[in-house]
Amino acid sequence: LLMEQPELIEQLWDNTEFFRSGLQELGFDTGASTTPIIPVIVGDERK
């Protein structure tokens, strides 16, 4: 499937950019993420 349907990966990256930019525009700290793993860094464990 990876060989036959590269559009799956393209969609993954489109979704990733949409969500990361949305979090950043809201003011969240997403650290150094450049992949579909996007942390929202808070610092305090309880919070």
ModelCIF file with pLDDT and N, C-alpha, C, O atoms, coordinates in Angstrom:
data_MODEL
#
_entry.id   MODEL 
#
_entity.id                         1 
_entity.type                       polymer 
_entity.pdbx_number_of_molecules   1 
#
_entity_poly.entity_id                      1 
_entity_poly.type                           'polypeptide(L)' 
_entity_poly.nstd_linkage                   no 
_entity_poly.nstd_monomer                   no 
_entity_poly.pdbx_seq_one_letter_code       LLMEQPELIEQLWDNTEFFRSGLQELGFDTGASTTPIIPVIVGDERK 
_entity_poly.pdbx_seq_one_letter_code_can   LLMEQPELIEQLWDNTEFFRSGLQELGFDTGASTTPIIPVIVGDERK 
_entity_poly.pdbx_strand_id                 A 
#
loop_
_entity_poly_seq.entity_id 
_entity_poly_seq.num 
_entity_poly_seq.mon_id 
_entity_poly_seq.hetero 
1 1  LEU n 
1 2  LEU n 
1 3  MET n 
1 4  GLU n 
1 5  GLN n 
1 6  PRO n 
1 7  GLU n 
1 8  LEU n 
1 9  ILE n 
1 10 GLU n 
1 11 GLN n 
1 12 LEU n 
1 13 TRP n 
1 14 ASP n 
1 15 ASN n 
1 16 THR n 
1 17 GLU n 
1 18 PHE n 
1 19 PHE n 
1 20 ARG n 
1 21 SER n 
1 22 GLY n 
1 23 LEU n 
1 24 GLN n 
1 25 GLU n 
1 26 LEU n 
1 27 GLY n 
1 28 PHE n 
1 29 ASP n 
1 30 THR n 
1 31 GLY n 
1 32 ALA n 
1 33 SER n 
1 34 THR n 
1 35 THR n 
1 36 PRO n 
1 37 ILE n 
1 38 ILE n 
1 39 PRO n 
1 40 VAL n 
1 41 ILE n 
1 42 VAL n 
1 43 GLY n 
1 44 ASP n 
1 45 GLU n 
1 46 ARG n 
1 47 LYS n 
#
_struct_asym.id          A 
_struct_asym.entity_id   1 
#
loop_
_ma_qa_metric.id 
_ma_qa_metric.mode 
_ma_qa_metric.name 
_ma_qa_metric.software_group_id 
_ma_qa_metric.type 
1 global pLDDT . pLDDT 
2 local  pLDDT . pLDDT 
#
_ma_qa_metric_global.metric_id      1 
_ma_qa_metric_global.metric_value   96.89 
_ma_qa_metric_global.model_id       1 
_ma_qa_metric_global.ordinal_id     1 
#
loop_
_ma_qa_metric_local.label_asym_id 
_ma_qa_metric_local.label_comp_id 
_ma_qa_metric_local.label_seq_id 
_ma_qa_metric_local.metric_id 
_ma_qa_metric_local.metric_value 
_ma_qa_metric_local.model_id 
_ma_qa_metric_local.ordinal_id 
A LEU 1  2 97.00 1 1  
A LEU 2  2 98.00 1 2  
A MET 3  2 97.00 1 3  
A GLU 4  2 96.00 1 4  
A GLN 5  2 96.00 1 5  
A PRO 6  2 95.00 1 6  
A GLU 7  2 97.00 1 7  
A LEU 8  2 97.00 1 8  
A ILE 9  2 98.00 1 9  
A GLU 10 2 98.00 1 10 
A GLN 11 2 98.00 1 11 
A LEU 12 2 98.00 1 12 
A TRP 13 2 98.00 1 13 
A ASP 14 2 98.00 1 14 
A ASN 15 2 98.00 1 15 
A THR 16 2 98.00 1 16 
A GLU 17 2 98.00 1 17 
A PHE 18 2 98.00 1 18 
A PHE 19 2 98.00 1 19 
A ARG 20 2 98.00 1 20 
A SER 21 2 98.00 1 21 
A GLY 22 2 98.00 1 22 
A LEU 23 2 98.00 1 23 
A GLN 24 2 98.00 1 24 
A GLU 25 2 98.00 1 25 
A LEU 26 2 98.00 1 26 
A GLY 27 2 97.00 1 27 
A PHE 28 2 98.00 1 28 
A ASP 29 2 97.00 1 29 
A THR 30 2 98.00 1 30 
A GLY 31 2 96.00 1 31 
A ALA 32 2 95.00 1 32 
A SER 33 2 97.00 1 33 
A THR 34 2 97.00 1 34 
A THR 35 2 98.00 1 35 
A PRO 36 2 98.00 1 36 
A ILE 37 2 98.00 1 37 
A ILE 38 2 98.00 1 38 
A PRO 39 2 98.00 1 39 
A VAL 40 2 98.00 1 40 
A ILE 41 2 97.00 1 41 
A VAL 42 2 97.00 1 42 
A GLY 43 2 94.00 1 43 
A ASP 44 2 92.00 1 44 
A GLU 45 2 90.00 1 45 
A ARG 46 2 90.00 1 46 
A LYS 47 2 94.00 1 47 
#
loop_
_atom_site.group_PDB 
_atom_site.id 
_atom_site.type_symbol 
_atom_site.label_atom_id 
_atom_site.label_alt_id 
_atom_site.label_comp_id 
_atom_site.label_asym_id 
_atom_site.label_entity_id 
_atom_site.label_seq_id 
_atom_site.pdbx_PDB_ins_code 
_atom_site.Cartn_x 
_atom_site.Cartn_y 
_atom_site.Cartn_z 
_atom_site.occupancy 
_atom_site.B_iso_or_equiv 
_atom_site.pdbx_formal_charge 
_atom_site.auth_seq_id 
_atom_site.auth_comp_id 
_atom_site.auth_asym_id 
_atom_site.auth_atom_id 
_atom_site.pdbx_PDB_model_num 
ATOM 1   N N  . LEU A 1 1  ? 0.821  -1.214 0.000  1.00 97.00 ? 1  LEU A N  1 
ATOM 2   C CA . LEU A 1 1  ? 0.000  0.000  0.000  1.00 97.00 ? 1  LEU A CA 1 
ATOM 3   C C  . LEU A 1 1  ? 0.853  1.262  0.000  1.00 97.00 ? 1  LEU A C  1 
ATOM 4   O O  . LEU A 1 1  ? 0.510  2.240  -0.665 1.00 97.00 ? 1  LEU A O  1 
ATOM 5   N N  . LEU A 1 2  ? 1.964  1.253  0.741  1.00 98.00 ? 2  LEU A N  1 
ATOM 6   C CA . LEU A 1 2  ? 2.857  2.411  0.739  1.00 98.00 ? 2  LEU A CA 1 
ATOM 7   C C  . LEU A 1 2  ? 3.366  2.703  -0.669 1.00 98.00 ? 2  LEU A C  1 
ATOM 8   O O  . LEU A 1 2  ? 3.511  3.862  -1.058 1.00 98.00 ? 2  LEU A O  1 
ATOM 9   N N  . MET A 1 3  ? 3.633  1.655  -1.421 1.00 97.00 ? 3  MET A N  1 
ATOM 10  C CA . MET A 1 3  ? 4.122  1.830  -2.787 1.00 97.00 ? 3  MET A CA 1 
ATOM 11  C C  . MET A 1 3  ? 3.010  2.259  -3.736 1.00 97.00 ? 3  MET A C  1 
ATOM 12  O O  . MET A 1 3  ? 3.246  3.020  -4.675 1.00 97.00 ? 3  MET A O  1 
ATOM 13  N N  . GLU A 1 4  ? 1.802  1.770  -3.488 1.00 96.00 ? 4  GLU A N  1 
ATOM 14  C CA . GLU A 1 4  ? 0.684  2.015  -4.414 1.00 96.00 ? 4  GLU A CA 1 
ATOM 15  C C  . GLU A 1 4  ? -0.065 3.308  -4.130 1.00 96.00 ? 4  GLU A C  1 
ATOM 16  O O  . GLU A 1 4  ? -0.647 3.898  -5.040 1.00 96.00 ? 4  GLU A O  1 
ATOM 17  N N  . GLN A 1 5  ? -0.057 3.762  -2.858 1.00 96.00 ? 5  GLN A N  1 
ATOM 18  C CA . GLN A 1 5  ? -0.885 4.910  -2.488 1.00 96.00 ? 5  GLN A CA 1 
ATOM 19  C C  . GLN A 1 5  ? -0.081 5.964  -1.713 1.00 96.00 ? 5  GLN A C  1 
ATOM 20  O O  . GLN A 1 5  ? -0.327 6.173  -0.525 1.00 96.00 ? 5  GLN A O  1 
ATOM 21  N N  . PRO A 1 6  ? 0.870  6.624  -2.368 1.00 95.00 ? 6  PRO A N  1 
ATOM 22  C CA . PRO A 1 6  ? 1.648  7.666  -1.685 1.00 95.00 ? 6  PRO A CA 1 
ATOM 23  C C  . PRO A 1 6  ? 0.789  8.836  -1.226 1.00 95.00 ? 6  PRO A C  1 
ATOM 24  O O  . PRO A 1 6  ? 1.213  9.625  -0.382 1.00 95.00 ? 6  PRO A O  1 
ATOM 25  N N  . GLU A 1 7  ? -0.412 8.953  -1.776 1.00 97.00 ? 7  GLU A N  1 
ATOM 26  C CA . GLU A 1 7  ? -1.295 10.038 -1.358 1.00 97.00 ? 7  GLU A CA 1 
ATOM 27  C C  . GLU A 1 7  ? -1.691 9.941  0.119  1.00 97.00 ? 7  GLU A C  1 
ATOM 28  O O  . GLU A 1 7  ? -2.075 10.941 0.725  1.00 97.00 ? 7  GLU A O  1 
ATOM 29  N N  . LEU A 1 8  ? -1.598 8.735  0.699  1.00 97.00 ? 8  LEU A N  1 
ATOM 30  C CA . LEU A 1 8  ? -1.860 8.601  2.136  1.00 97.00 ? 8  LEU A CA 1 
ATOM 31  C C  . LEU A 1 8  ? -0.873 9.442  2.940  1.00 97.00 ? 8  LEU A C  1 
ATOM 32  O O  . LEU A 1 8  ? -1.256 10.121 3.892  1.00 97.00 ? 8  LEU A O  1 
ATOM 33  N N  . ILE A 1 9  ? 0.398  9.392  2.551  1.00 98.00 ? 9  ILE A N  1 
ATOM 34  C CA . ILE A 1 9  ? 1.427  10.152 3.261  1.00 98.00 ? 9  ILE A CA 1 
ATOM 35  C C  . ILE A 1 9  ? 1.262  11.644 2.984  1.00 98.00 ? 9  ILE A C  1 
ATOM 36  O O  . ILE A 1 9  ? 1.468  12.466 3.877  1.00 98.00 ? 9  ILE A O  1 
ATOM 37  N N  . GLU A 1 10 ? 0.896  11.994 1.770  1.00 98.00 ? 10 GLU A N  1 
ATOM 38  C CA . GLU A 1 10 ? 0.651  13.400 1.445  1.00 98.00 ? 10 GLU A CA 1 
ATOM 39  C C  . GLU A 1 10 ? -0.475 13.967 2.306  1.00 98.00 ? 10 GLU A C  1 
ATOM 40  O O  . GLU A 1 10 ? -0.380 15.099 2.781  1.00 98.00 ? 10 GLU A O  1 
ATOM 41  N N  . GLN A 1 11 ? -1.537 13.192 2.510  1.00 98.00 ? 11 GLN A N  1 
ATOM 42  C CA . GLN A 1 11 ? -2.648 13.642 3.344  1.00 98.00 ? 11 GLN A CA 1 
ATOM 43  C C  . GLN A 1 11 ? -2.222 13.779 4.797  1.00 98.00 ? 11 GLN A C  1 
ATOM 44  O O  . GLN A 1 11 ? -2.651 14.698 5.496  1.00 98.00 ? 11 GLN A O  1 
ATOM 45  N N  . LEU A 1 12 ? -1.376 12.860 5.246  1.00 98.00 ? 12 LEU A N  1 
ATOM 46  C CA . LEU A 1 12 ? -0.850 12.941 6.608  1.00 98.00 ? 12 LEU A CA 1 
ATOM 47  C C  . LEU A 1 12 ? -0.135 14.274 6.830  1.00 98.00 ? 12 LEU A C  1 
ATOM 48  O O  . LEU A 1 12 ? -0.340 14.929 7.852  1.00 98.00 ? 12 LEU A O  1 
ATOM 49  N N  . TRP A 1 13 ? 0.696  14.671 5.879  1.00 98.00 ? 13 TRP A N  1 
ATOM 50  C CA . TRP A 1 13 ? 1.454  15.910 6.025  1.00 98.00 ? 13 TRP A CA 1 
ATOM 51  C C  . TRP A 1 13 ? 0.572  17.144 5.879  1.00 98.00 ? 13 TRP A C  1 
ATOM 52  O O  . TRP A 1 13 ? 0.805  18.149 6.551  1.00 98.00 ? 13 TRP A O  1 
ATOM 53  N N  . ASP A 1 14 ? -0.436 17.088 5.013  1.00 98.00 ? 14 ASP A N  1 
ATOM 54  C CA . ASP A 1 14 ? -1.381 18.206 4.917  1.00 98.00 ? 14 ASP A CA 1 
ATOM 55  C C  . ASP A 1 14 ? -2.099 18.416 6.251  1.00 98.00 ? 14 ASP A C  1 
ATOM 56  O O  . ASP A 1 14 ? -2.220 19.546 6.725  1.00 98.00 ? 14 ASP A O  1 
ATOM 57  N N  . ASN A 1 15 ? -2.567 17.335 6.846  1.00 98.00 ? 15 ASN A N  1 
ATOM 58  C CA . ASN A 1 15 ? -3.245 17.431 8.138  1.00 98.00 ? 15 ASN A CA 1 
ATOM 59  C C  . ASN A 1 15 ? -2.316 17.940 9.223  1.00 98.00 ? 15 ASN A C  1 
ATOM 60  O O  . ASN A 1 15 ? -2.710 18.732 10.078 1.00 98.00 ? 15 ASN A O  1 
ATOM 61  N N  . THR A 1 16 ? -1.070 17.472 9.176  1.00 98.00 ? 16 THR A N  1 
ATOM 62  C CA . THR A 1 16 ? -0.091 17.882 10.187 1.00 98.00 ? 16 THR A CA 1 
ATOM 63  C C  . THR A 1 16 ? 0.144  19.385 10.152 1.00 98.00 ? 16 THR A C  1 
ATOM 64  O O  . THR A 1 16 ? 0.132  20.039 11.195 1.00 98.00 ? 16 THR A O  1 
ATOM 65  N N  . GLU A 1 17 ? 0.357  19.938 8.964  1.00 98.00 ? 17 GLU A N  1 
ATOM 66  C CA . GLU A 1 17 ? 0.626  21.372 8.852  1.00 98.00 ? 17 GLU A CA 1 
ATOM 67  C C  . GLU A 1 17 ? -0.586 22.196 9.281  1.00 98.00 ? 17 GLU A C  1 
ATOM 68  O O  . GLU A 1 17 ? -0.437 23.242 9.913  1.00 98.00 ? 17 GLU A O  1 
ATOM 69  N N  . PHE A 1 18 ? -1.773 21.730 8.940  1.00 98.00 ? 18 PHE A N  1 
ATOM 70  C CA . PHE A 1 18 ? -2.989 22.429 9.343  1.00 98.00 ? 18 PHE A CA 1 
ATOM 71  C C  . PHE A 1 18 ? -3.102 22.495 10.865 1.00 98.00 ? 18 PHE A C  1 
ATOM 72  O O  . PHE A 1 18 ? -3.401 23.550 11.426 1.00 98.00 ? 18 PHE A O  1 
ATOM 73  N N  . PHE A 1 19 ? -2.864 21.369 11.526 1.00 98.00 ? 19 PHE A N  1 
ATOM 74  C CA . PHE A 1 19 ? -3.052 21.324 12.970 1.00 98.00 ? 19 PHE A CA 1 
ATOM 75  C C  . PHE A 1 19 ? -1.945 22.066 13.715 1.00 98.00 ? 19 PHE A C  1 
ATOM 76  O O  . PHE A 1 19 ? -2.221 22.787 14.674 1.00 98.00 ? 19 PHE A O  1 
ATOM 77  N N  . ARG A 1 20 ? -0.698 21.897 13.284 1.00 98.00 ? 20 ARG A N  1 
ATOM 78  C CA . ARG A 1 20 ? 0.398  22.563 13.982 1.00 98.00 ? 20 ARG A CA 1 
ATOM 79  C C  . ARG A 1 20 ? 0.263  24.089 13.879 1.00 98.00 ? 20 ARG A C  1 
ATOM 80  O O  . ARG A 1 20 ? 0.421  24.800 14.871 1.00 98.00 ? 20 ARG A O  1 
ATOM 81  N N  . SER A 1 21 ? -0.030 24.579 12.676 1.00 98.00 ? 21 SER A N  1 
ATOM 82  C CA . SER A 1 21 ? -0.179 26.033 12.526 1.00 98.00 ? 21 SER A CA 1 
ATOM 83  C C  . SER A 1 21 ? -1.358 26.540 13.343 1.00 98.00 ? 21 SER A C  1 
ATOM 84  O O  . SER A 1 21 ? -1.314 27.652 13.870 1.00 98.00 ? 21 SER A O  1 
ATOM 85  N N  . GLY A 1 22 ? -2.418 25.732 13.455 1.00 98.00 ? 22 GLY A N  1 
ATOM 86  C CA . GLY A 1 22 ? -3.563 26.121 14.266 1.00 98.00 ? 22 GLY A CA 1 
ATOM 87  C C  . GLY A 1 22 ? -3.212 26.246 15.738 1.00 98.00 ? 22 GLY A C  1 
ATOM 88  O O  . GLY A 1 22 ? -3.620 27.206 16.393 1.00 98.00 ? 22 GLY A O  1 
ATOM 89  N N  . LEU A 1 23 ? -2.461 25.288 16.265 1.00 98.00 ? 23 LEU A N  1 
ATOM 90  C CA . LEU A 1 23 ? -2.033 25.361 17.663 1.00 98.00 ? 23 LEU A CA 1 
ATOM 91  C C  . LEU A 1 23 ? -1.138 26.572 17.906 1.00 98.00 ? 23 LEU A C  1 
ATOM 92  O O  . LEU A 1 23 ? -1.280 27.268 18.911 1.00 98.00 ? 23 LEU A O  1 
ATOM 93  N N  . GLN A 1 24 ? -0.232 26.812 16.992 1.00 98.00 ? 24 GLN A N  1 
ATOM 94  C CA . GLN A 1 24 ? 0.692  27.939 17.157 1.00 98.00 ? 24 GLN A CA 1 
ATOM 95  C C  . GLN A 1 24 ? -0.041 29.268 17.097 1.00 98.00 ? 24 GLN A C  1 
ATOM 96  O O  . GLN A 1 24 ? 0.278  30.187 17.851 1.00 98.00 ? 24 GLN A O  1 
ATOM 97  N N  . GLU A 1 25 ? -1.018 29.378 16.209 1.00 98.00 ? 25 GLU A N  1 
ATOM 98  C CA . GLU A 1 25 ? -1.806 30.614 16.129 1.00 98.00 ? 25 GLU A CA 1 
ATOM 99  C C  . GLU A 1 25 ? -2.596 30.869 17.411 1.00 98.00 ? 25 GLU A C  1 
ATOM 100 O O  . GLU A 1 25 ? -2.862 32.017 17.769 1.00 98.00 ? 25 GLU A O  1 
ATOM 101 N N  . LEU A 1 26 ? -2.967 29.792 18.093 1.00 98.00 ? 26 LEU A N  1 
ATOM 102 C CA . LEU A 1 26 ? -3.675 29.941 19.370 1.00 98.00 ? 26 LEU A CA 1 
ATOM 103 C C  . LEU A 1 26 ? -2.747 30.362 20.505 1.00 98.00 ? 26 LEU A C  1 
ATOM 104 O O  . LEU A 1 26 ? -3.206 30.821 21.550 1.00 98.00 ? 26 LEU A O  1 
ATOM 105 N N  . GLY A 1 27 ? -1.443 30.206 20.298 1.00 97.00 ? 27 GLY A N  1 
ATOM 106 C CA . GLY A 1 27 ? -0.483 30.606 21.325 1.00 97.00 ? 27 GLY A CA 1 
ATOM 107 C C  . GLY A 1 27 ? 0.138  29.466 22.097 1.00 97.00 ? 27 GLY A C  1 
ATOM 108 O O  . GLY A 1 27 ? 0.821  29.696 23.096 1.00 97.00 ? 27 GLY A O  1 
ATOM 109 N N  . PHE A 1 28 ? -0.086 28.226 21.652 1.00 98.00 ? 28 PHE A N  1 
ATOM 110 C CA . PHE A 1 28 ? 0.514  27.075 22.331 1.00 98.00 ? 28 PHE A CA 1 
ATOM 111 C C  . PHE A 1 28 ? 1.967  26.896 21.895 1.00 98.00 ? 28 PHE A C  1 
ATOM 112 O O  . PHE A 1 28 ? 2.344  27.237 20.774 1.00 98.00 ? 28 PHE A O  1 
ATOM 113 N N  . ASP A 1 29 ? 2.766  26.356 22.805 1.00 97.00 ? 29 ASP A N  1 
ATOM 114 C CA . ASP A 1 29 ? 4.173  26.051 22.540 1.00 97.00 ? 29 ASP A CA 1 
ATOM 115 C C  . ASP A 1 29 ? 4.265  24.632 21.994 1.00 97.00 ? 29 ASP A C  1 
ATOM 116 O O  . ASP A 1 29 ? 4.027  23.667 22.720 1.00 97.00 ? 29 ASP A O  1 
ATOM 117 N N  . THR A 1 30 ? 4.610  24.505 20.711 1.00 98.00 ? 30 THR A N  1 
ATOM 118 C CA . THR A 1 30 ? 4.739  23.183 20.095 1.00 98.00 ? 30 THR A CA 1 
ATOM 119 C C  . THR A 1 30 ? 6.199  22.758 19.963 1.00 98.00 ? 30 THR A C  1 
ATOM 120 O O  . THR A 1 30 ? 6.499  21.794 19.259 1.00 98.00 ? 30 THR A O  1 
ATOM 121 N N  . GLY A 1 31 ? 7.094  23.452 20.617 1.00 96.00 ? 31 GLY A N  1 
ATOM 122 C CA . GLY A 1 31 ? 8.496  23.055 20.651 1.00 96.00 ? 31 GLY A CA 1 
ATOM 123 C C  . GLY A 1 31 ? 9.129  23.048 19.274 1.00 96.00 ? 31 GLY A C  1 
ATOM 124 O O  . GLY A 1 31 ? 8.859  23.914 18.442 1.00 96.00 ? 31 GLY A O  1 
ATOM 125 N N  . ALA A 1 32 ? 9.980  22.052 19.048 1.00 95.00 ? 32 ALA A N  1 
ATOM 126 C CA . ALA A 1 32 ? 10.748 21.962 17.800 1.00 95.00 ? 32 ALA A CA 1 
ATOM 127 C C  . ALA A 1 32 ? 10.116 21.003 16.793 1.00 95.00 ? 32 ALA A C  1 
ATOM 128 O O  . ALA A 1 32 ? 10.770 20.604 15.830 1.00 95.00 ? 32 ALA A O  1 
ATOM 129 N N  . SER A 1 33 ? 8.860  20.629 17.002 1.00 97.00 ? 33 SER A N  1 
ATOM 130 C CA . SER A 1 33 ? 8.216  19.628 16.157 1.00 97.00 ? 33 SER A CA 1 
ATOM 131 C C  . SER A 1 33 ? 8.164  20.044 14.693 1.00 97.00 ? 33 SER A C  1 
ATOM 132 O O  . SER A 1 33 ? 7.820  21.179 14.362 1.00 97.00 ? 33 SER A O  1 
ATOM 133 N N  . THR A 1 34 ? 8.516  19.091 13.817 1.00 97.00 ? 34 THR A N  1 
ATOM 134 C CA . THR A 1 34 ? 8.355  19.281 12.371 1.00 97.00 ? 34 THR A CA 1 
ATOM 135 C C  . THR A 1 34 ? 7.680  18.064 11.744 1.00 97.00 ? 34 THR A C  1 
ATOM 136 O O  . THR A 1 34 ? 7.720  17.902 10.524 1.00 97.00 ? 34 THR A O  1 
ATOM 137 N N  . THR A 1 35 ? 7.066  17.213 12.550 1.00 98.00 ? 35 THR A N  1 
ATOM 138 C CA . THR A 1 35 ? 6.466  15.959 12.090 1.00 98.00 ? 35 THR A CA 1 
ATOM 139 C C  . THR A 1 35 ? 5.041  15.832 12.639 1.00 98.00 ? 35 THR A C  1 
ATOM 140 O O  . THR A 1 35 ? 4.580  16.726 13.348 1.00 98.00 ? 35 THR A O  1 
ATOM 141 N N  . PRO A 1 36 ? 4.337  14.741 12.325 1.00 98.00 ? 36 PRO A N  1 
ATOM 142 C CA . PRO A 1 36 ? 2.981  14.570 12.863 1.00 98.00 ? 36 PRO A CA 1 
ATOM 143 C C  . PRO A 1 36 ? 2.909  14.395 14.381 1.00 98.00 ? 36 PRO A C  1 
ATOM 144 O O  . PRO A 1 36 ? 1.811  14.397 14.937 1.00 98.00 ? 36 PRO A O  1 
ATOM 145 N N  . ILE A 1 37 ? 4.038  14.246 15.061 1.00 98.00 ? 37 ILE A N  1 
ATOM 146 C CA . ILE A 1 37 ? 4.053  14.290 16.525 1.00 98.00 ? 37 ILE A CA 1 
ATOM 147 C C  . ILE A 1 37 ? 4.162  15.757 16.934 1.00 98.00 ? 37 ILE A C  1 
ATOM 148 O O  . ILE A 1 37 ? 5.192  16.393 16.711 1.00 98.00 ? 37 ILE A O  1 
ATOM 149 N N  . ILE A 1 38 ? 3.106  16.285 17.529 1.00 98.00 ? 38 ILE A N  1 
ATOM 150 C CA . ILE A 1 38 ? 3.084  17.708 17.874 1.00 98.00 ? 38 ILE A CA 1 
ATOM 151 C C  . ILE A 1 38 ? 2.813  17.845 19.376 1.00 98.00 ? 38 ILE A C  1 
ATOM 152 O O  . ILE A 1 38 ? 1.677  17.664 19.813 1.00 98.00 ? 38 ILE A O  1 
ATOM 153 N N  . PRO A 1 39 ? 3.841  18.162 20.171 1.00 98.00 ? 39 PRO A N  1 
ATOM 154 C CA . PRO A 1 39 ? 3.619  18.340 21.600 1.00 98.00 ? 39 PRO A CA 1 
ATOM 155 C C  . PRO A 1 39 ? 3.039  19.716 21.906 1.00 98.00 ? 39 PRO A C  1 
ATOM 156 O O  . PRO A 1 39 ? 3.352  20.699 21.234 1.00 98.00 ? 39 PRO A O  1 
ATOM 157 N N  . VAL A 1 40 ? 2.208  19.770 22.910 1.00 98.00 ? 40 VAL A N  1 
ATOM 158 C CA . VAL A 1 40 ? 1.782  21.042 23.494 1.00 98.00 ? 40 VAL A CA 1 
ATOM 159 C C  . VAL A 1 40 ? 2.475  21.109 24.855 1.00 98.00 ? 40 VAL A C  1 
ATOM 160 O O  . VAL A 1 40 ? 2.038  20.488 25.824 1.00 98.00 ? 40 VAL A O  1 
ATOM 161 N N  . ILE A 1 41 ? 3.556  21.871 24.905 1.00 97.00 ? 41 ILE A N  1 
ATOM 162 C CA . ILE A 1 41 ? 4.418  21.872 26.084 1.00 97.00 ? 41 ILE A CA 1 
ATOM 163 C C  . ILE A 1 41 ? 3.843  22.811 27.139 1.00 97.00 ? 41 ILE A C  1 
ATOM 164 O O  . ILE A 1 41 ? 3.622  23.995 26.884 1.00 97.00 ? 41 ILE A O  1 
ATOM 165 N N  . VAL A 1 42 ? 3.607  22.263 28.322 1.00 97.00 ? 42 VAL A N  1 
ATOM 166 C CA . VAL A 1 42 ? 3.012  23.004 29.433 1.00 97.00 ? 42 VAL A CA 1 
ATOM 167 C C  . VAL A 1 42 ? 4.048  23.300 30.514 1.00 97.00 ? 42 VAL A C  1 
ATOM 168 O O  . VAL A 1 42 ? 4.079  24.396 31.072 1.00 97.00 ? 42 VAL A O  1 
ATOM 169 N N  . GLY A 1 43 ? 4.895  22.312 30.802 1.00 94.00 ? 43 GLY A N  1 
ATOM 170 C CA . GLY A 1 43 ? 5.923  22.479 31.833 1.00 94.00 ? 43 GLY A CA 1 
ATOM 171 C C  . GLY A 1 43 ? 5.526  21.807 33.125 1.00 94.00 ? 43 GLY A C  1 
ATOM 172 O O  . GLY A 1 43 ? 6.117  20.798 33.510 1.00 94.00 ? 43 GLY A O  1 
ATOM 173 N N  . ASP A 1 44 ? 4.525  22.356 33.802 1.00 92.00 ? 44 ASP A N  1 
ATOM 174 C CA . ASP A 1 44 ? 4.071  21.825 35.080 1.00 92.00 ? 44 ASP A CA 1 
ATOM 175 C C  . ASP A 1 44 ? 3.339  20.493 34.888 1.00 92.00 ? 44 ASP A C  1 
ATOM 176 O O  . ASP A 1 44 ? 2.442  20.377 34.054 1.00 92.00 ? 44 ASP A O  1 
ATOM 177 N N  . GLU A 1 45 ? 3.745  19.482 35.687 1.00 90.00 ? 45 GLU A N  1 
ATOM 178 C CA . GLU A 1 45 ? 3.186  18.137 35.521 1.00 90.00 ? 45 GLU A CA 1 
ATOM 179 C C  . GLU A 1 45 ? 1.685  18.094 35.784 1.00 90.00 ? 45 GLU A C  1 
ATOM 180 O O  . GLU A 1 45 ? 0.923  17.525 35.002 1.00 90.00 ? 45 GLU A O  1 
ATOM 181 N N  . ARG A 1 46 ? 1.274  18.698 36.888 1.00 90.00 ? 46 ARG A N  1 
ATOM 182 C CA . ARG A 1 46 ? -0.148 18.652 37.240 1.00 90.00 ? 46 ARG A CA 1 
ATOM 183 C C  . ARG A 1 46 ? -1.008 19.373 36.199 1.00 90.00 ? 46 ARG A C  1 
ATOM 184 O O  . ARG A 1 46 ? -2.081 18.898 35.827 1.00 90.00 ? 46 ARG A O  1 
ATOM 185 N N  . LYS A 1 47 ? -0.525 20.514 35.742 1.00 94.00 ? 47 LYS A N  1 
ATOM 186 C CA . LYS A 1 47 ? -1.314 21.279 34.772 1.00 94.00 ? 47 LYS A CA 1 
ATOM 187 C C  . LYS A 1 47 ? -1.395 20.547 33.436 1.00 94.00 ? 47 LYS A C  1 
ATOM 188 O O  . LYS A 1 47 ? -2.019 21.042 32.498 1.00 94.00 ? 47 LYS A O  1 
#
